[in-house]
Amino acid sequence: MEKFNLPANPRVLIFDIDMTLYTCPEYAHEQIDCQIRHWAQLKGYQVDSARAMIADFRRKWAAEHNGQKISLGNLFTSFGVSIETSIEWRKTLFNPADYLHRDEKLISALSELSKSFYMICVTNNPVEPARKTLEVIGISEFFPEIIGLDTCMASKPSKKILDAALQKANDYFENLGETGRKISYSDCISIGDRYDIDLALAIELGMGGILVSGSEEVCNLSDILL
């Protein structure tokens, strides 16, 4: 776990989902590979050739962007696959129940955090499969709002996505009757497993950041934040 510029009194925790709120490399890999297989089928490519094309694009993109990583949704747009199309694929191709299960330790940890923070999920998947993932793990109740690929029609890293999460947080506190001060970036911590995708922009905008390797480290967040 790595910490970056944590605010003294944070009020909002913004969580990535995949490989952050669960630890299952097989499912994380399948979410990417099933889309590549589907794309290969539609284009008439051999699957291995399609994988090689995607891997080659990633390498070239990273070399041109100081080693940064690119999300699959953003990558696919360079191959003529729109964000709208990616959304439809992800709604039908993913089945988290085939890979994930209820996580009692994580449920307990998030229950404690939810008493002190407003928590929201921000994901590059559409809201529908993201919600299914949270339900399978047993943590859906802690995240009444999800900002997904279909919320802003944008893939992380994107300021639009973080702005949407910030607005949801402000709506929440306003509904509680807290109208004195709006939530700002400096009141938030972004938590995810990929620095380039989940944290870099958030930190640049003034949020804190916590880089985790999976749900086991999320379970230890109370040691840092409470």
C-alpha atoms as a PDB file:
ATOM      1  CA  MET A   1       0.000   0.000   0.000  1.00  0.00           C
ATOM      2  CA  GLU A   2       1.276   3.461  -0.936  1.00  0.00           C
ATOM      3  CA  LYS A   3      -0.124   6.787   0.285  1.00  0.00           C
ATOM      4  CA  PHE A   4      -0.018  10.090  -1.575  1.00  0.00           C
ATOM      5  CA  ASN A   5      -0.853  13.549  -0.183  1.00  0.00           C
ATOM      6  CA  LEU A   6      -3.526  12.340   2.220  1.00  0.00           C
ATOM      7  CA  PRO A   7      -5.693  15.220   3.496  1.00  0.00           C
ATOM      8  CA  ALA A   8      -5.799  15.860   7.228  1.00  0.00           C
ATOM      9  CA  ASN A   9      -9.572  15.504   7.453  1.00  0.00           C
ATOM     10  CA  PRO A  10     -10.913  13.596   4.441  1.00  0.00           C
ATOM     11  CA  ARG A  11     -14.669  13.207   4.042  1.00  0.00           C
ATOM     12  CA  VAL A  12     -15.021  11.243   0.803  1.00  0.00           C
ATOM     13  CA  LEU A  13     -13.461   7.950  -0.319  1.00  0.00           C
ATOM     14  CA  ILE A  14     -13.575   7.272  -4.053  1.00  0.00           C
ATOM     15  CA  PHE A  15     -13.007   3.590  -4.770  1.00  0.00           C
ATOM     16  CA  ASP A  16     -12.072   1.819  -7.956  1.00  0.00           C
ATOM     17  CA  ILE A  17     -13.706  -1.635  -8.133  1.00  0.00           C
ATOM     18  CA  ASP A  18     -11.764  -4.161 -10.207  1.00  0.00           C
ATOM     19  CA  MET A  19      -8.693  -5.506  -8.393  1.00  0.00           C
ATOM     20  CA  THR A  20      -9.326  -2.927  -5.663  1.00  0.00           C
ATOM     21  CA  LEU A  21     -12.493  -4.184  -3.956  1.00  0.00           C
ATOM     22  CA  TYR A  22     -11.694  -7.773  -4.873  1.00  0.00           C
ATOM     23  CA  THR A  23      -8.524  -9.739  -5.534  1.00  0.00           C
ATOM     24  CA  CYS A  24      -9.064 -12.095  -8.466  1.00  0.00           C
ATOM     25  CA  PRO A  25      -6.546 -11.757 -11.299  1.00  0.00           C
ATOM     26  CA  GLU A  26      -8.461 -14.364 -13.295  1.00  0.00           C
ATOM     27  CA  TYR A  27     -11.614 -12.235 -13.412  1.00  0.00           C
ATOM     28  CA  ALA A  28      -9.681  -9.026 -14.050  1.00  0.00           C
ATOM     29  CA  HIS A  29      -7.948 -10.725 -16.976  1.00  0.00           C
ATOM     30  CA  GLU A  30     -11.185 -12.226 -18.307  1.00  0.00           C
ATOM     31  CA  GLN A  31     -12.903  -8.840 -18.411  1.00  0.00           C
ATOM     32  CA  ILE A  32     -10.211  -7.623 -20.791  1.00  0.00           C
ATOM     33  CA  ASP A  33      -9.698 -10.808 -22.763  1.00  0.00           C
ATOM     34  CA  CYS A  34     -13.383 -11.502 -23.386  1.00  0.00           C
ATOM     35  CA  GLN A  35     -13.682  -8.103 -25.066  1.00  0.00           C
ATOM     36  CA  ILE A  36     -10.629  -8.776 -27.206  1.00  0.00           C
ATOM     37  CA  ARG A  37     -12.034 -12.187 -28.182  1.00  0.00           C
ATOM     38  CA  HIS A  38     -15.380 -10.599 -29.023  1.00  0.00           C
ATOM     39  CA  TRP A  39     -13.703  -7.894 -31.109  1.00  0.00           C
ATOM     40  CA  ALA A  40     -11.627 -10.537 -32.913  1.00  0.00           C
ATOM     41  CA  GLN A  41     -14.762 -12.501 -33.754  1.00  0.00           C
ATOM     42  CA  LEU A  42     -16.526  -9.427 -35.122  1.00  0.00           C
ATOM     43  CA  LYS A  43     -13.523  -8.410 -37.225  1.00  0.00           C
ATOM     44  CA  GLY A  44     -12.659 -11.923 -38.389  1.00  0.00           C
ATOM     45  CA  TYR A  45      -9.247 -11.874 -36.687  1.00  0.00           C
ATOM     46  CA  GLN A  46      -7.495 -14.789 -35.066  1.00  0.00           C
ATOM     47  CA  VAL A  47      -7.723 -14.315 -31.298  1.00  0.00           C
ATOM     48  CA  ASP A  48      -3.958 -14.476 -30.796  1.00  0.00           C
ATOM     49  CA  SER A  49      -3.475 -11.879 -33.523  1.00  0.00           C
ATOM     50  CA  ALA A  50      -6.021  -9.584 -31.881  1.00  0.00           C
ATOM     51  CA  ARG A  51      -4.287  -9.958 -28.515  1.00  0.00           C
ATOM     52  CA  ALA A  52      -0.955  -9.143 -30.131  1.00  0.00           C
ATOM     53  CA  MET A  53      -2.416  -6.026 -31.781  1.00  0.00           C
ATOM     54  CA  ILE A  54      -3.761  -4.761 -28.455  1.00  0.00           C
ATOM     55  CA  ALA A  55      -0.505  -5.544 -26.634  1.00  0.00           C
ATOM     56  CA  ASP A  56       1.522  -3.791 -29.336  1.00  0.00           C
ATOM     57  CA  PHE A  57      -0.704  -0.708 -29.133  1.00  0.00           C
ATOM     58  CA  ARG A  58      -0.285  -0.622 -25.345  1.00  0.00           C
ATOM     59  CA  ARG A  59       3.503  -0.791 -25.657  1.00  0.00           C
ATOM     60  CA  LYS A  60       3.646   1.977 -28.241  1.00  0.00           C
ATOM     61  CA  TRP A  61       1.216   4.177 -26.323  1.00  0.00           C
ATOM     62  CA  ALA A  62       3.193   3.774 -23.094  1.00  0.00           C
ATOM     63  CA  ALA A  63       6.442   4.600 -24.881  1.00  0.00           C
ATOM     64  CA  GLU A  64       4.869   7.815 -26.195  1.00  0.00           C
ATOM     65  CA  HIS A  65       3.344   8.783 -22.820  1.00  0.00           C
ATOM     66  CA  ASN A  66       6.204   8.399 -20.340  1.00  0.00           C
ATOM     67  CA  GLY A  67       5.348   4.801 -19.497  1.00  0.00           C
ATOM     68  CA  GLN A  68       1.742   5.513 -18.529  1.00  0.00           C
ATOM     69  CA  LYS A  69      -0.983   2.917 -19.064  1.00  0.00           C
ATOM     70  CA  ILE A  70      -4.150   3.328 -21.123  1.00  0.00           C
ATOM     71  CA  SER A  71      -7.545   1.868 -20.252  1.00  0.00           C
ATOM     72  CA  LEU A  72      -9.045  -0.686 -22.624  1.00  0.00           C
ATOM     73  CA  GLY A  73     -12.033   1.561 -23.317  1.00  0.00           C
ATOM     74  CA  ASN A  74      -9.808   4.428 -24.418  1.00  0.00           C
ATOM     75  CA  LEU A  75      -7.544   2.040 -26.322  1.00  0.00           C
ATOM     76  CA  PHE A  76     -10.425   0.535 -28.292  1.00  0.00           C
ATOM     77  CA  THR A  77     -11.484   3.950 -29.593  1.00  0.00           C
ATOM     78  CA  SER A  78      -8.282   3.977 -31.637  1.00  0.00           C
ATOM     79  CA  PHE A  79      -9.521   0.788 -33.324  1.00  0.00           C
ATOM     80  CA  GLY A  80     -12.920   2.277 -34.143  1.00  0.00           C
ATOM     81  CA  VAL A  81     -14.765   0.861 -31.140  1.00  0.00           C
ATOM     82  CA  SER A  82     -16.741   3.672 -29.549  1.00  0.00           C
ATOM     83  CA  ILE A  83     -17.283   4.084 -25.829  1.00  0.00           C
ATOM     84  CA  GLU A  84     -20.975   3.371 -26.471  1.00  0.00           C
ATOM     85  CA  THR A  85     -20.062   0.036 -28.057  1.00  0.00           C
ATOM     86  CA  SER A  86     -17.701  -0.818 -25.191  1.00  0.00           C
ATOM     87  CA  ILE A  87     -20.550  -0.183 -22.772  1.00  0.00           C
ATOM     88  CA  GLU A  88     -22.853  -2.637 -24.550  1.00  0.00           C
ATOM     89  CA  TRP A  89     -20.143  -5.297 -24.700  1.00  0.00           C
ATOM     90  CA  ARG A  90     -19.392  -5.007 -20.999  1.00  0.00           C
ATOM     91  CA  LYS A  91     -23.061  -5.259 -20.064  1.00  0.00           C
ATOM     92  CA  THR A  92     -23.392  -8.648 -21.770  1.00  0.00           C
ATOM     93  CA  LEU A  93     -19.950 -10.275 -21.632  1.00  0.00           C
ATOM     94  CA  PHE A  94     -19.215 -10.103 -17.886  1.00  0.00           C
ATOM     95  CA  ASN A  95     -20.502 -12.453 -15.188  1.00  0.00           C
ATOM     96  CA  PRO A  96     -18.809 -11.698 -11.846  1.00  0.00           C
ATOM     97  CA  ALA A  97     -20.619 -14.547 -10.082  1.00  0.00           C
ATOM     98  CA  ASP A  98     -18.499 -17.009 -12.060  1.00  0.00           C
ATOM     99  CA  TYR A  99     -15.348 -15.714 -10.360  1.00  0.00           C
ATOM    100  CA  LEU A 100     -16.146 -13.760  -7.188  1.00  0.00           C
ATOM    101  CA  HIS A 101     -17.791 -14.536  -3.851  1.00  0.00           C
ATOM    102  CA  ARG A 102     -18.973 -12.862  -0.665  1.00  0.00           C
ATOM    103  CA  ASP A 103     -16.098 -11.344   1.341  1.00  0.00           C
ATOM    104  CA  GLU A 104     -16.989 -11.095   5.025  1.00  0.00           C
ATOM    105  CA  LYS A 105     -13.739  -9.427   6.030  1.00  0.00           C
ATOM    106  CA  LEU A 106     -14.168  -6.713   3.420  1.00  0.00           C
ATOM    107  CA  ILE A 107     -17.814  -6.239   4.404  1.00  0.00           C
ATOM    108  CA  SER A 108     -16.750  -5.612   7.989  1.00  0.00           C
ATOM    109  CA  ALA A 109     -13.979  -3.196   6.986  1.00  0.00           C
ATOM    110  CA  LEU A 110     -16.202  -1.135   4.689  1.00  0.00           C
ATOM    111  CA  SER A 111     -18.964  -1.077   7.277  1.00  0.00           C
ATOM    112  CA  GLU A 112     -16.583   0.658   9.675  1.00  0.00           C
ATOM    113  CA  LEU A 113     -15.337   3.108   7.049  1.00  0.00           C
ATOM    114  CA  SER A 114     -18.899   3.974   6.004  1.00  0.00           C
ATOM    115  CA  LYS A 115     -19.569   5.342   9.484  1.00  0.00           C
ATOM    116  CA  SER A 116     -16.972   8.086   8.981  1.00  0.00           C
ATOM    117  CA  PHE A 117     -16.872   8.732   5.226  1.00  0.00           C
ATOM    118  CA  TYR A 118     -19.098   9.119   2.208  1.00  0.00           C
ATOM    119  CA  MET A 119     -18.010   6.327  -0.128  1.00  0.00           C
ATOM    120  CA  ILE A 120     -18.568   6.097  -3.868  1.00  0.00           C
ATOM    121  CA  CYS A 121     -17.297   3.813  -6.635  1.00  0.00           C
ATOM    122  CA  VAL A 122     -15.771   5.083  -9.869  1.00  0.00           C
ATOM    123  CA  THR A 123     -15.197   2.437 -12.527  1.00  0.00           C
ATOM    124  CA  ASN A 124     -14.420   2.010 -16.200  1.00  0.00           C
ATOM    125  CA  ASN A 125     -17.204  -0.557 -16.412  1.00  0.00           C
ATOM    126  CA  PRO A 126     -20.845   0.416 -16.923  1.00  0.00           C
ATOM    127  CA  VAL A 127     -22.941   0.823 -13.798  1.00  0.00           C
ATOM    128  CA  GLU A 128     -24.951  -2.391 -14.329  1.00  0.00           C
ATOM    129  CA  PRO A 129     -22.062  -4.926 -14.291  1.00  0.00           C
ATOM    130  CA  ALA A 130     -20.299  -2.857 -11.626  1.00  0.00           C
ATOM    131  CA  ARG A 131     -23.345  -3.112  -9.363  1.00  0.00           C
ATOM    132  CA  LYS A 132     -23.490  -6.866  -9.957  1.00  0.00           C
ATOM    133  CA  THR A 133     -19.872  -7.136  -8.849  1.00  0.00           C
ATOM    134  CA  LEU A 134     -20.562  -5.261  -5.602  1.00  0.00           C
ATOM    135  CA  GLU A 135     -23.621  -7.431  -4.964  1.00  0.00           C
ATOM    136  CA  VAL A 136     -21.682 -10.678  -5.421  1.00  0.00           C
ATOM    137  CA  ILE A 137     -19.013  -9.506  -2.968  1.00  0.00           C
ATOM    138  CA  GLY A 138     -21.706  -8.367  -0.525  1.00  0.00           C
ATOM    139  CA  ILE A 139     -20.736  -4.692  -0.345  1.00  0.00           C
ATOM    140  CA  SER A 140     -23.345  -3.007  -2.532  1.00  0.00           C
ATOM    141  CA  GLU A 141     -25.085  -1.313   0.408  1.00  0.00           C
ATOM    142  CA  PHE A 142     -21.992   0.773   1.178  1.00  0.00           C
ATOM    143  CA  PHE A 143     -21.966   2.345  -2.294  1.00  0.00           C
ATOM    144  CA  PRO A 144     -25.385   3.813  -3.134  1.00  0.00           C
ATOM    145  CA  GLU A 145     -23.806   5.598  -6.093  1.00  0.00           C
ATOM    146  CA  ILE A 146     -21.537   4.303  -8.851  1.00  0.00           C
ATOM    147  CA  ILE A 147     -19.966   6.515 -11.487  1.00  0.00           C
ATOM    148  CA  GLY A 148     -19.510   4.194 -14.446  1.00  0.00           C
ATOM    149  CA  LEU A 149     -18.417   4.256 -18.051  1.00  0.00           C
ATOM    150  CA  ASP A 150     -21.999   5.011 -19.063  1.00  0.00           C
ATOM    151  CA  THR A 151     -22.431   7.864 -16.562  1.00  0.00           C
ATOM    152  CA  CYS A 152     -20.164  10.352 -18.326  1.00  0.00           C
ATOM    153  CA  MET A 153     -19.408   8.378 -21.507  1.00  0.00           C
ATOM    154  CA  ALA A 154     -15.750   8.611 -20.573  1.00  0.00           C
ATOM    155  CA  SER A 155     -13.094   6.198 -19.349  1.00  0.00           C
ATOM    156  CA  LYS A 156     -10.628   6.877 -16.544  1.00  0.00           C
ATOM    157  CA  PRO A 157      -8.530   8.887 -16.221  1.00  0.00           C
ATOM    158  CA  SER A 158     -11.071  11.637 -16.873  1.00  0.00           C
ATOM    159  CA  LYS A 159     -11.842  14.822 -14.974  1.00  0.00           C
ATOM    160  CA  LYS A 160     -15.507  14.460 -15.953  1.00  0.00           C
ATOM    161  CA  ILE A 161     -15.711  11.238 -13.956  1.00  0.00           C
ATOM    162  CA  LEU A 162     -14.094  12.737 -10.857  1.00  0.00           C
ATOM    163  CA  ASP A 163     -16.308  15.823 -11.139  1.00  0.00           C
ATOM    164  CA  ALA A 164     -19.372  13.545 -11.229  1.00  0.00           C
ATOM    165  CA  ALA A 165     -18.215  11.759  -8.083  1.00  0.00           C
ATOM    166  CA  LEU A 166     -17.625  15.093  -6.380  1.00  0.00           C
ATOM    167  CA  GLN A 167     -21.131  16.253  -7.313  1.00  0.00           C
ATOM    168  CA  LYS A 168     -22.653  13.079  -5.841  1.00  0.00           C
ATOM    169  CA  ALA A 169     -20.753  13.713  -2.612  1.00  0.00           C
ATOM    170  CA  ASN A 170     -21.991  17.303  -2.454  1.00  0.00           C
ATOM    171  CA  ASP A 171     -25.558  16.145  -3.103  1.00  0.00           C
ATOM    172  CA  TYR A 172     -25.238  13.654  -0.248  1.00  0.00           C
ATOM    173  CA  PHE A 173     -24.006  16.181   2.303  1.00  0.00           C
ATOM    174  CA  GLU A 174     -26.529  18.778   1.146  1.00  0.00           C
ATOM    175  CA  ASN A 175     -29.314  16.250   1.726  1.00  0.00           C
ATOM    176  CA  LEU A 176     -27.965  15.850   5.255  1.00  0.00           C
ATOM    177  CA  GLY A 177     -28.436  19.573   5.738  1.00  0.00           C
ATOM    178  CA  GLU A 178     -24.765  20.475   5.476  1.00  0.00           C
ATOM    179  CA  THR A 179     -24.904  23.537   3.260  1.00  0.00           C
ATOM    180  CA  GLY A 180     -22.095  25.604   4.763  1.00  0.00           C
ATOM    181  CA  ARG A 181     -19.217  24.371   2.622  1.00  0.00           C
ATOM    182  CA  LYS A 182     -19.049  22.360  -0.550  1.00  0.00           C
ATOM    183  CA  ILE A 183     -16.910  19.246  -0.805  1.00  0.00           C
ATOM    184  CA  SER A 184     -13.783  19.920  -2.839  1.00  0.00           C
ATOM    185  CA  TYR A 185     -11.045  17.740  -4.283  1.00  0.00           C
ATOM    186  CA  SER A 186      -8.989  18.294  -1.151  1.00  0.00           C
ATOM    187  CA  ASP A 187     -11.668  16.530   0.917  1.00  0.00           C
ATOM    188  CA  CYS A 188     -11.368  13.323  -1.119  1.00  0.00           C
ATOM    189  CA  ILE A 189      -9.114  10.297  -1.355  1.00  0.00           C
ATOM    190  CA  SER A 190      -8.979   8.189  -4.505  1.00  0.00           C
ATOM    191  CA  ILE A 191      -8.280   4.499  -3.839  1.00  0.00           C
ATOM    192  CA  GLY A 192      -7.290   2.088  -6.602  1.00  0.00           C
ATOM    193  CA  ASP A 193      -4.847  -0.497  -7.857  1.00  0.00           C
ATOM    194  CA  ARG A 194      -3.479   1.401 -10.892  1.00  0.00           C
ATOM    195  CA  TYR A 195      -1.581   4.630 -10.309  1.00  0.00           C
ATOM    196  CA  ASP A 196      -1.886   5.960 -13.865  1.00  0.00           C
ATOM    197  CA  ILE A 197      -5.590   5.154 -14.218  1.00  0.00           C
ATOM    198  CA  ASP A 198      -6.972   5.606 -10.686  1.00  0.00           C
ATOM    199  CA  LEU A 199      -4.685   8.032  -8.869  1.00  0.00           C
ATOM    200  CA  ALA A 200      -2.499  10.276 -11.022  1.00  0.00           C
ATOM    201  CA  LEU A 201      -5.202  12.694 -12.197  1.00  0.00           C
ATOM    202  CA  ALA A 202      -6.956  12.682  -8.836  1.00  0.00           C
ATOM    203  CA  ILE A 203      -3.730  13.659  -7.080  1.00  0.00           C
ATOM    204  CA  GLU A 204      -3.016  16.319  -9.704  1.00  0.00           C
ATOM    205  CA  LEU A 205      -6.442  17.826  -8.979  1.00  0.00           C
ATOM    206  CA  GLY A 206      -5.747  17.958  -5.244  1.00  0.00           C
ATOM    207  CA  MET A 207      -7.105  14.675  -3.907  1.00  0.00           C
ATOM    208  CA  GLY A 208      -5.196  12.269  -1.755  1.00  0.00           C
ATOM    209  CA  GLY A 209      -4.404   8.857  -3.172  1.00  0.00           C
ATOM    210  CA  ILE A 210      -3.955   5.338  -1.847  1.00  0.00           C
ATOM    211  CA  LEU A 211      -2.541   2.646  -4.119  1.00  0.00           C
ATOM    212  CA  VAL A 212      -3.626  -0.854  -3.084  1.00  0.00           C
ATOM    213  CA  SER A 213      -2.936  -4.319  -4.458  1.00  0.00           C
ATOM    214  CA  GLY A 214      -6.416  -5.680  -3.772  1.00  0.00           C
ATOM    215  CA  SER A 215      -9.123  -6.168  -1.191  1.00  0.00           C
ATOM    216  CA  GLU A 216      -6.725  -7.407   1.483  1.00  0.00           C
ATOM    217  CA  GLU A 217      -5.159  -3.959   1.678  1.00  0.00           C
ATOM    218  CA  VAL A 218      -8.551  -2.244   1.528  1.00  0.00           C
ATOM    219  CA  CYS A 219      -9.392  -4.201   4.692  1.00  0.00           C
ATOM    220  CA  ASN A 220      -6.488  -2.407   6.386  1.00  0.00           C
ATOM    221  CA  LEU A 221      -7.535   1.127   5.441  1.00  0.00           C
ATOM    222  CA  SER A 222      -9.119   1.752   8.849  1.00  0.00           C
ATOM    223  CA  ASP A 223      -5.612   1.569  10.347  1.00  0.00           C
ATOM    224  CA  ILE A 224      -4.711   4.638   8.286  1.00  0.00           C
ATOM    225  CA  LEU A 225      -7.956   6.559   8.060  1.00  0.00           C
ATOM    226  CA  LEU A 226      -9.762   6.011  11.376  1.00  0.00           C
END
